[in-house]
Amino acid sequence: MTSTISDADRERAAGGVPASYPGAALIALAAFVSFVLSVSLWFADSREEALFVGLWVPSILSLGGFYAALGGGRS
């Protein structure tokens, strides 16, 4: 007896974001840009601004996770 597992189910079981989630790349890009901006500010001796911008990264990723948990806006 063989069972068929869809690619989306396989990705969910592996803890990944389903490939059909359209905003995943945008969320990852926004978090990466925020991280790079934070590091740049840190080394430019703008420490407080760097910490402020650095806090955007988990916020952006949390927003993406929340959106994905809601079904990614799909009906």
PDB file of N, CA and C in Angstrom:
ATOM      1  N   MET A   1       0.851  -1.175   0.000  1.00  0.00           N
ATOM      2  CA  MET A   1       0.000   0.000   0.000  1.00  0.00           C
ATOM      3  C   MET A   1       0.894   1.235   0.000  1.00  0.00           C
ATOM      4  N   THR A   2       0.723   2.069  -0.976  1.00  0.00           N
ATOM      5  CA  THR A   2       1.513   3.293  -1.053  1.00  0.00           C
ATOM      6  C   THR A   2       0.608   4.484  -0.787  1.00  0.00           C
ATOM      7  N   SER A   3       1.176   5.467  -0.146  1.00  0.00           N
ATOM      8  CA  SER A   3       0.410   6.685   0.116  1.00  0.00           C
ATOM      9  C   SER A   3       1.019   7.816  -0.697  1.00  0.00           C
ATOM     10  N   THR A   4       0.167   8.656  -1.189  1.00  0.00           N
ATOM     11  CA  THR A   4       0.656   9.799  -1.949  1.00  0.00           C
ATOM     12  C   THR A   4       0.604  11.031  -1.068  1.00  0.00           C
ATOM     13  N   ILE A   5       1.716  11.726  -1.024  1.00  0.00           N
ATOM     14  CA  ILE A   5       1.821  12.943  -0.224  1.00  0.00           C
ATOM     15  C   ILE A   5       2.098  14.085  -1.185  1.00  0.00           C
ATOM     16  N   SER A   6       1.297  15.123  -1.073  1.00  0.00           N
ATOM     17  CA  SER A   6       1.499  16.266  -1.961  1.00  0.00           C
ATOM     18  C   SER A   6       2.751  17.043  -1.547  1.00  0.00           C
ATOM     19  N   ASP A   7       3.256  17.826  -2.475  1.00  0.00           N
ATOM     20  CA  ASP A   7       4.436  18.637  -2.180  1.00  0.00           C
ATOM     21  C   ASP A   7       4.167  19.633  -1.066  1.00  0.00           C
ATOM     22  N   ALA A   8       2.971  20.224  -1.045  1.00  0.00           N
ATOM     23  CA  ALA A   8       2.637  21.195  -0.001  1.00  0.00           C
ATOM     24  C   ALA A   8       2.618  20.531   1.367  1.00  0.00           C
ATOM     25  N   ASP A   9       2.062  19.316   1.456  1.00  0.00           N
ATOM     26  CA  ASP A   9       2.044  18.598   2.727  1.00  0.00           C
ATOM     27  C   ASP A   9       3.457  18.229   3.167  1.00  0.00           C
ATOM     28  N   ARG A  10       4.291  17.869   2.218  1.00  0.00           N
ATOM     29  CA  ARG A  10       5.675  17.519   2.535  1.00  0.00           C
ATOM     30  C   ARG A  10       6.425  18.733   3.076  1.00  0.00           C
ATOM     31  N   GLU A  11       6.201  19.911   2.478  1.00  0.00           N
ATOM     32  CA  GLU A  11       6.869  21.128   2.949  1.00  0.00           C
ATOM     33  C   GLU A  11       6.366  21.526   4.325  1.00  0.00           C
ATOM     34  N   ARG A  12       5.055  21.406   4.552  1.00  0.00           N
ATOM     35  CA  ARG A  12       4.511  21.745   5.875  1.00  0.00           C
ATOM     36  C   ARG A  12       5.075  20.816   6.941  1.00  0.00           C
ATOM     37  N   ALA A  13       5.204  19.547   6.624  1.00  0.00           N
ATOM     38  CA  ALA A  13       5.747  18.590   7.585  1.00  0.00           C
ATOM     39  C   ALA A  13       7.208  18.890   7.883  1.00  0.00           C
ATOM     40  N   ALA A  14       7.918  19.424   6.908  1.00  0.00           N
ATOM     41  CA  ALA A  14       9.324  19.767   7.109  1.00  0.00           C
ATOM     42  C   ALA A  14       9.484  21.116   7.797  1.00  0.00           C
ATOM     43  N   GLY A  15       8.387  21.808   8.044  1.00  0.00           N
ATOM     44  CA  GLY A  15       8.451  23.093   8.724  1.00  0.00           C
ATOM     45  C   GLY A  15       8.681  24.256   7.796  1.00  0.00           C
ATOM     46  N   GLY A  16       8.571  24.043   6.507  1.00  0.00           N
ATOM     47  CA  GLY A  16       8.813  25.099   5.533  1.00  0.00           C
ATOM     48  C   GLY A  16       7.546  25.848   5.178  1.00  0.00           C
ATOM     49  N   VAL A  17       7.713  26.903   4.438  1.00  0.00           N
ATOM     50  CA  VAL A  17       6.588  27.682   3.944  1.00  0.00           C
ATOM     51  C   VAL A  17       6.138  27.055   2.636  1.00  0.00           C
ATOM     52  N   PRO A  18       4.847  26.826   2.458  1.00  0.00           N
ATOM     53  CA  PRO A  18       4.391  26.251   1.193  1.00  0.00           C
ATOM     54  C   PRO A  18       4.818  27.109   0.012  1.00  0.00           C
ATOM     55  N   ALA A  19       5.174  26.449  -1.077  1.00  0.00           N
ATOM     56  CA  ALA A  19       5.671  27.163  -2.245  1.00  0.00           C
ATOM     57  C   ALA A  19       4.598  28.056  -2.858  1.00  0.00           C
ATOM     58  N   SER A  20       3.333  27.771  -2.578  1.00  0.00           N
ATOM     59  CA  SER A  20       2.258  28.558  -3.157  1.00  0.00           C
ATOM     60  C   SER A  20       2.007  29.858  -2.391  1.00  0.00           C
ATOM     61  N   TYR A  21       2.733  30.084  -1.306  1.00  0.00           N
ATOM     62  CA  TYR A  21       2.582  31.314  -0.534  1.00  0.00           C
ATOM     63  C   TYR A  21       3.258  32.451  -1.279  1.00  0.00           C
ATOM     64  N   PRO A  22       2.487  33.373  -1.853  1.00  0.00           N
ATOM     65  CA  PRO A  22       3.064  34.373  -2.749  1.00  0.00           C
ATOM     66  C   PRO A  22       3.928  35.429  -2.068  1.00  0.00           C
ATOM     67  N   GLY A  23       3.706  35.720  -0.807  1.00  0.00           N
ATOM     68  CA  GLY A  23       4.437  36.791  -0.152  1.00  0.00           C
ATOM     69  C   GLY A  23       5.692  36.359   0.553  1.00  0.00           C
ATOM     70  N   ALA A  24       6.049  35.087   0.484  1.00  0.00           N
ATOM     71  CA  ALA A  24       7.199  34.591   1.237  1.00  0.00           C
ATOM     72  C   ALA A  24       8.496  35.273   0.800  1.00  0.00           C
ATOM     73  N   ALA A  25       8.685  35.422  -0.483  1.00  0.00           N
ATOM     74  CA  ALA A  25       9.910  36.056  -0.977  1.00  0.00           C
ATOM     75  C   ALA A  25       9.951  37.530  -0.587  1.00  0.00           C
ATOM     76  N   LEU A  26       8.814  38.199  -0.647  1.00  0.00           N
ATOM     77  CA  LEU A  26       8.761  39.611  -0.274  1.00  0.00           C
ATOM     78  C   LEU A  26       9.049  39.805   1.212  1.00  0.00           C
ATOM     79  N   ILE A  27       8.493  38.948   2.050  1.00  0.00           N
ATOM     80  CA  ILE A  27       8.738  39.032   3.496  1.00  0.00           C
ATOM     81  C   ILE A  27      10.214  38.770   3.789  1.00  0.00           C
ATOM     82  N   ALA A  28      10.777  37.748   3.164  1.00  0.00           N
ATOM     83  CA  ALA A  28      12.191  37.432   3.386  1.00  0.00           C
ATOM     84  C   ALA A  28      13.085  38.572   2.908  1.00  0.00           C
ATOM     85  N   LEU A  29      12.758  39.158   1.778  1.00  0.00           N
ATOM     86  CA  LEU A  29      13.538  40.282   1.255  1.00  0.00           C
ATOM     87  C   LEU A  29      13.453  41.489   2.192  1.00  0.00           C
ATOM     88  N   ALA A  30      12.264  41.798   2.684  1.00  0.00           N
ATOM     89  CA  ALA A  30      12.103  42.937   3.598  1.00  0.00           C
ATOM     90  C   ALA A  30      12.884  42.720   4.886  1.00  0.00           C
ATOM     91  N   ALA A  31      12.864  41.505   5.423  1.00  0.00           N
ATOM     92  CA  ALA A  31      13.610  41.209   6.645  1.00  0.00           C
ATOM     93  C   ALA A  31      15.112  41.309   6.397  1.00  0.00           C
ATOM     94  N   PHE A  32      15.570  40.830   5.247  1.00  0.00           N
ATOM     95  CA  PHE A  32      16.996  40.890   4.921  1.00  0.00           C
ATOM     96  C   PHE A  32      17.461  42.332   4.749  1.00  0.00           C
ATOM     97  N   VAL A  33      16.675  43.139   4.057  1.00  0.00           N
ATOM     98  CA  VAL A  33      17.026  44.554   3.862  1.00  0.00           C
ATOM     99  C   VAL A  33      17.073  45.272   5.208  1.00  0.00           C
ATOM    100  N   SER A  34      16.122  44.967   6.068  1.00  0.00           N
ATOM    101  CA  SER A  34      16.111  45.569   7.397  1.00  0.00           C
ATOM    102  C   SER A  34      17.363  45.182   8.187  1.00  0.00           C
ATOM    103  N   PHE A  35      17.748  43.933   8.090  1.00  0.00           N
ATOM    104  CA  PHE A  35      18.941  43.468   8.790  1.00  0.00           C
ATOM    105  C   PHE A  35      20.192  44.173   8.270  1.00  0.00           C
ATOM    106  N   VAL A  36      20.324  44.266   6.954  1.00  0.00           N
ATOM    107  CA  VAL A  36      21.491  44.920   6.356  1.00  0.00           C
ATOM    108  C   VAL A  36      21.526  46.400   6.738  1.00  0.00           C
ATOM    109  N   LEU A  37      20.372  47.055   6.721  1.00  0.00           N
ATOM    110  CA  LEU A  37      20.315  48.460   7.127  1.00  0.00           C
ATOM    111  C   LEU A  37      20.708  48.622   8.593  1.00  0.00           C
ATOM    112  N   SER A  38      20.269  47.714   9.433  1.00  0.00           N
ATOM    113  CA  SER A  38      20.615  47.774  10.853  1.00  0.00           C
ATOM    114  C   SER A  38      22.117  47.614  11.066  1.00  0.00           C
ATOM    115  N   VAL A  39      22.718  46.664  10.392  1.00  0.00           N
ATOM    116  CA  VAL A  39      24.168  46.454  10.528  1.00  0.00           C
ATOM    117  C   VAL A  39      24.932  47.666   9.998  1.00  0.00           C
ATOM    118  N   SER A  40      24.446  48.217   8.892  1.00  0.00           N
ATOM    119  CA  SER A  40      25.097  49.407   8.333  1.00  0.00           C
ATOM    120  C   SER A  40      25.041  50.578   9.307  1.00  0.00           C
ATOM    121  N   LEU A  41      23.903  50.781   9.912  1.00  0.00           N
ATOM    122  CA  LEU A  41      23.774  51.866  10.896  1.00  0.00           C
ATOM    123  C   LEU A  41      24.656  51.620  12.114  1.00  0.00           C
ATOM    124  N   TRP A  42      24.760  50.362  12.537  1.00  0.00           N
ATOM    125  CA  TRP A  42      25.574  50.027  13.704  1.00  0.00           C
ATOM    126  C   TRP A  42      27.034  50.414  13.470  1.00  0.00           C
ATOM    127  N   PHE A  43      27.559  50.065  12.292  1.00  0.00           N
ATOM    128  CA  PHE A  43      28.961  50.358  12.009  1.00  0.00           C
ATOM    129  C   PHE A  43      29.182  51.806  11.599  1.00  0.00           C
ATOM    130  N   ALA A  44      28.104  52.545  11.382  1.00  0.00           N
ATOM    131  CA  ALA A  44      28.221  53.982  11.105  1.00  0.00           C
ATOM    132  C   ALA A  44      28.064  54.784  12.397  1.00  0.00           C
ATOM    133  N   ASP A  45      28.160  54.113  13.529  1.00  0.00           N
ATOM    134  CA  ASP A  45      28.050  54.712  14.867  1.00  0.00           C
ATOM    135  C   ASP A  45      26.701  55.365  15.140  1.00  0.00           C
ATOM    136  N   SER A  46      25.662  54.849  14.534  1.00  0.00           N
ATOM    137  CA  SER A  46      24.291  55.262  14.862  1.00  0.00           C
ATOM    138  C   SER A  46      23.650  54.107  15.618  1.00  0.00           C
ATOM    139  N   ARG A  47      24.123  53.885  16.822  1.00  0.00           N
ATOM    140  CA  ARG A  47      23.761  52.680  17.578  1.00  0.00           C
ATOM    141  C   ARG A  47      22.265  52.615  17.910  1.00  0.00           C
ATOM    142  N   GLU A  48      21.694  53.713  18.350  1.00  0.00           N
ATOM    143  CA  GLU A  48      20.273  53.682  18.721  1.00  0.00           C
ATOM    144  C   GLU A  48      19.387  53.437  17.507  1.00  0.00           C
ATOM    145  N   GLU A  49      19.714  54.055  16.394  1.00  0.00           N
ATOM    146  CA  GLU A  49      18.946  53.841  15.169  1.00  0.00           C
ATOM    147  C   GLU A  49      19.099  52.401  14.688  1.00  0.00           C
ATOM    148  N   ALA A  50      20.302  51.851  14.854  1.00  0.00           N
ATOM    149  CA  ALA A  50      20.551  50.471  14.434  1.00  0.00           C
ATOM    150  C   ALA A  50      19.713  49.496  15.253  1.00  0.00           C
ATOM    151  N   LEU A  51      19.622  49.745  16.545  1.00  0.00           N
ATOM    152  CA  LEU A  51      18.797  48.872  17.390  1.00  0.00           C
ATOM    153  C   LEU A  51      17.320  48.988  17.029  1.00  0.00           C
ATOM    154  N   PHE A  52      16.883  50.201  16.732  1.00  0.00           N
ATOM    155  CA  PHE A  52      15.490  50.413  16.340  1.00  0.00           C
ATOM    156  C   PHE A  52      15.168  49.668  15.048  1.00  0.00           C
ATOM    157  N   VAL A  53      16.020  49.828  14.045  1.00  0.00           N
ATOM    158  CA  VAL A  53      15.790  49.161  12.761  1.00  0.00           C
ATOM    159  C   VAL A  53      15.957  47.644  12.914  1.00  0.00           C
ATOM    160  N   GLY A  54      16.870  47.219  13.777  1.00  0.00           N
ATOM    161  CA  GLY A  54      17.069  45.790  14.018  1.00  0.00           C
ATOM    162  C   GLY A  54      15.843  45.109  14.594  1.00  0.00           C
ATOM    163  N   LEU A  55      15.037  45.865  15.306  1.00  0.00           N
ATOM    164  CA  LEU A  55      13.802  45.299  15.854  1.00  0.00           C
ATOM    165  C   LEU A  55      12.738  45.080  14.782  1.00  0.00           C
ATOM    166  N   TRP A  56      12.943  45.637  13.621  1.00  0.00           N
ATOM    167  CA  TRP A  56      11.986  45.414  12.527  1.00  0.00           C
ATOM    168  C   TRP A  56      12.048  43.979  12.026  1.00  0.00           C
ATOM    169  N   VAL A  57      13.213  43.353  12.082  1.00  0.00           N
ATOM    170  CA  VAL A  57      13.381  42.020  11.494  1.00  0.00           C
ATOM    171  C   VAL A  57      12.405  41.007  12.101  1.00  0.00           C
ATOM    172  N   PRO A  58      12.380  40.816  13.427  1.00  0.00           N
ATOM    173  CA  PRO A  58      11.417  39.842  13.951  1.00  0.00           C
ATOM    174  C   PRO A  58       9.963  40.279  13.750  1.00  0.00           C
ATOM    175  N   SER A  59       9.733  41.584  13.709  1.00  0.00           N
ATOM    176  CA  SER A  59       8.376  42.064  13.467  1.00  0.00           C
ATOM    177  C   SER A  59       7.910  41.722  12.056  1.00  0.00           C
ATOM    178  N   ILE A  60       8.783  41.915  11.080  1.00  0.00           N
ATOM    179  CA  ILE A  60       8.448  41.592   9.692  1.00  0.00           C
ATOM    180  C   ILE A  60       8.232  40.086   9.542  1.00  0.00           C
ATOM    181  N   LEU A  61       9.111  39.290  10.142  1.00  0.00           N
ATOM    182  CA  LEU A  61       8.972  37.838  10.050  1.00  0.00           C
ATOM    183  C   LEU A  61       7.713  37.350  10.767  1.00  0.00           C
ATOM    184  N   SER A  62       7.364  37.982  11.883  1.00  0.00           N
ATOM    185  CA  SER A  62       6.129  37.620  12.594  1.00  0.00           C
ATOM    186  C   SER A  62       4.902  37.959  11.764  1.00  0.00           C
ATOM    187  N   LEU A  63       4.934  39.107  11.105  1.00  0.00           N
ATOM    188  CA  LEU A  63       3.833  39.479  10.230  1.00  0.00           C
ATOM    189  C   LEU A  63       3.683  38.470   9.093  1.00  0.00           C
ATOM    190  N   GLY A  64       4.797  38.057   8.512  1.00  0.00           N
ATOM    191  CA  GLY A  64       4.754  37.051   7.456  1.00  0.00           C
ATOM    192  C   GLY A  64       4.222  35.719   7.946  1.00  0.00           C
ATOM    193  N   GLY A  65       4.636  35.316   9.141  1.00  0.00           N
ATOM    194  CA  GLY A  65       4.133  34.070   9.721  1.00  0.00           C
ATOM    195  C   GLY A  65       2.653  34.133  10.018  1.00  0.00           C
ATOM    196  N   PHE A  66       2.197  35.275  10.511  1.00  0.00           N
ATOM    197  CA  PHE A  66       0.772  35.462  10.792  1.00  0.00           C
ATOM    198  C   PHE A  66      -0.039  35.404   9.504  1.00  0.00           C
ATOM    199  N   TYR A  67       0.467  36.076   8.474  1.00  0.00           N
ATOM    200  CA  TYR A  67      -0.222  36.089   7.183  1.00  0.00           C
ATOM    201  C   TYR A  67      -0.271  34.674   6.586  1.00  0.00           C
ATOM    202  N   ALA A  68       0.825  33.934   6.709  1.00  0.00           N
ATOM    203  CA  ALA A  68       0.869  32.568   6.193  1.00  0.00           C
ATOM    204  C   ALA A  68      -0.084  31.668   6.970  1.00  0.00           C
ATOM    205  N   ALA A  69      -0.182  31.886   8.293  1.00  0.00           N
ATOM    206  CA  ALA A  69      -1.090  31.077   9.102  1.00  0.00           C
ATOM    207  C   ALA A  69      -2.557  31.346   8.746  1.00  0.00           C
ATOM    208  N   LEU A  70      -2.836  32.544   8.286  1.00  0.00           N
ATOM    209  CA  LEU A  70      -4.204  32.854   7.877  1.00  0.00           C
ATOM    210  C   LEU A  70      -4.538  32.287   6.496  1.00  0.00           C
ATOM    211  N   GLY A  71      -3.571  31.707   5.852  1.00  0.00           N
ATOM    212  CA  GLY A  71      -3.809  31.118   4.538  1.00  0.00           C
ATOM    213  C   GLY A  71      -3.239  31.937   3.420  1.00  0.00           C
ATOM    214  N   GLY A  72      -2.455  32.926   3.736  1.00  0.00           N
ATOM    215  CA  GLY A  72      -1.803  33.725   2.711  1.00  0.00           C
ATOM    216  C   GLY A  72      -2.754  34.559   1.880  1.00  0.00           C
ATOM    217  N   GLY A  73      -3.931  34.854   2.421  1.00  0.00           N
ATOM    218  CA  GLY A  73      -4.872  35.670   1.681  1.00  0.00           C
ATOM    219  C   GLY A  73      -5.649  34.915   0.625  1.00  0.00           C
ATOM    220  N   ARG A  74      -5.442  33.606   0.550  1.00  0.00           N
ATOM    221  CA  ARG A  74      -6.177  32.795  -0.431  1.00  0.00           C
ATOM    222  C   ARG A  74      -7.570  32.526   0.087  1.00  0.00           C
ATOM    223  N   SER A  75      -8.504  32.417  -0.815  1.00  0.00           N
ATOM    224  CA  SER A  75      -9.882  32.110  -0.399  1.00  0.00           C
ATOM    225  C   SER A  75     -10.199  30.659  -0.647  1.00  0.00           C
TER     226      SER A  75
END
